[in-house]
Amino acid sequence: MPVFYENTPLGSLTVGDLKHLVEEFISTAASSLHKEEKTATSANLVYGLRGIQELFGCSHKTAQAYEDGFLKSAVRQNGRKIVVDRDLALELFAAHAEGGKK
């Protein structure tokens, strides 16, 4: 791989050099975008009954009741692994709380 310096004139680059620079730029931009998406996605997820407990500040039994009840549409389960969409769970909790007051 050739080493490029910021003061190298653009006219001094070959087509291969320019192609290499563009590919490197695109891969760097794509990987940083992928990291941002992964961070944003994982920040909005809660894992397991423990995650539900921490999110709502409730007991294990209550978290299980929430999971089986009004949170059902926010919960995805594959075998023993439970993943909850945090934002949707909070919306469902608010709607459930409003419904309980009526």
Protein backbone atom coordinates (compact mmCIF):
# COMPACT_ATOMS: atom_id res chain seq x y z
CA MET A 1 0.00 0.00 0.00
CA PRO A 2 1.37 3.37 -0.93
CA VAL A 3 1.74 6.06 1.69
CA PHE A 4 0.15 9.39 0.86
CA TYR A 5 0.96 12.69 2.42
CA GLU A 6 -1.48 15.56 2.73
CA ASN A 7 0.80 17.79 0.69
CA THR A 8 0.99 15.34 -2.27
CA PRO A 9 -0.43 17.07 -5.36
CA LEU A 10 -3.55 15.39 -6.72
CA GLY A 11 -2.00 15.42 -10.19
CA SER A 12 0.86 13.25 -8.92
CA LEU A 13 -1.45 10.37 -8.03
CA THR A 14 -2.04 7.51 -10.42
CA VAL A 15 -5.50 6.17 -11.08
CA GLY A 16 -4.69 3.21 -8.83
CA ASP A 17 -3.56 5.53 -6.02
CA LEU A 18 -6.75 7.57 -6.29
CA LYS A 19 -8.86 4.42 -6.37
CA HIS A 20 -7.10 3.14 -3.25
CA LEU A 21 -7.73 6.43 -1.42
CA VAL A 22 -11.43 6.45 -2.32
CA GLU A 23 -11.89 2.79 -1.27
CA GLU A 24 -10.13 3.48 2.03
CA PHE A 25 -12.31 6.52 2.67
CA ILE A 26 -15.52 4.61 1.88
CA SER A 27 -14.61 1.63 4.08
CA THR A 28 -13.67 3.94 6.99
CA ALA A 29 -16.93 5.87 6.65
CA ALA A 30 -18.99 2.68 6.38
CA SER A 31 -17.38 1.08 9.44
CA SER A 32 -17.91 4.18 11.57
CA LEU A 33 -21.54 4.37 10.44
CA HIS A 34 -22.02 0.69 11.29
CA LYS A 35 -20.55 1.26 14.78
CA GLU A 36 -22.91 4.20 15.37
CA GLU A 37 -25.93 2.12 14.29
CA LYS A 38 -24.89 -0.76 16.52
CA THR A 39 -24.42 1.55 19.51
CA ALA A 40 -27.75 3.26 18.91
CA THR A 41 -29.55 -0.05 18.51
CA SER A 42 -28.06 -1.70 21.56
CA ALA A 43 -28.75 1.40 23.67
CA ASN A 44 -32.48 0.93 23.00
CA LEU A 45 -32.56 -2.72 24.07
CA VAL A 46 -32.97 -4.30 27.48
CA TYR A 47 -31.95 -7.91 28.04
CA GLY A 48 -33.74 -10.50 30.13
CA LEU A 49 -36.03 -10.24 33.11
CA ARG A 50 -33.22 -8.48 34.96
CA GLY A 51 -33.34 -5.71 32.34
CA ILE A 52 -37.10 -5.36 32.80
CA GLN A 53 -36.59 -5.26 36.57
CA GLU A 54 -34.01 -2.47 36.28
CA LEU A 55 -36.08 -0.53 33.72
CA PHE A 56 -39.23 -0.46 35.85
CA GLY A 57 -37.70 -0.92 39.31
CA CYS A 58 -39.78 -3.96 40.11
CA SER A 59 -39.38 -7.50 41.43
CA HIS A 60 -38.62 -10.62 39.38
CA LYS A 61 -42.23 -11.80 39.67
CA THR A 62 -43.61 -8.44 38.56
CA ALA A 63 -41.14 -8.31 35.63
CA GLN A 64 -42.36 -11.74 34.55
CA ALA A 65 -45.97 -10.58 34.76
CA TYR A 66 -45.13 -7.47 32.69
CA GLU A 67 -43.36 -9.63 30.09
CA ASP A 68 -46.33 -11.95 29.74
CA GLY A 69 -48.84 -9.09 29.88
CA PHE A 70 -48.79 -5.65 28.35
CA LEU A 71 -45.12 -5.80 27.26
CA LYS A 72 -45.72 -8.80 24.99
CA SER A 73 -45.40 -6.77 21.76
CA ALA A 74 -42.07 -5.23 22.89
CA VAL A 75 -40.53 -8.60 23.84
CA ARG A 76 -38.67 -10.92 21.49
CA GLN A 77 -37.62 -14.29 22.82
CA ASN A 78 -35.48 -16.98 21.22
CA GLY A 79 -35.13 -19.95 23.52
CA ARG A 80 -34.03 -18.53 26.86
CA LYS A 81 -32.80 -15.22 25.47
CA ILE A 82 -35.17 -12.31 26.07
CA VAL A 83 -34.70 -8.95 24.32
CA VAL A 84 -36.99 -6.01 25.00
CA ASP A 85 -37.30 -2.81 22.94
CA ARG A 86 -36.79 -0.21 25.69
CA ASP A 87 -38.62 2.68 24.01
CA LEU A 88 -41.67 0.60 23.06
CA ALA A 89 -41.75 -0.93 26.55
CA LEU A 90 -41.86 2.54 28.14
CA GLU A 91 -44.68 3.58 25.79
CA LEU A 92 -46.65 0.42 26.58
CA PHE A 93 -46.06 0.96 30.30
CA ALA A 94 -47.39 4.53 30.08
CA ALA A 95 -50.44 3.37 28.14
CA HIS A 96 -51.01 0.58 30.67
CA ALA A 97 -50.72 3.02 33.57
CA GLU A 98 -53.24 5.41 31.97
CA GLY A 99 -55.63 2.51 31.34
CA GLY A 100 -55.37 1.44 34.98
CA LYS A 101 -56.36 4.90 36.27
CA LYS A 102 -59.69 5.00 34.40
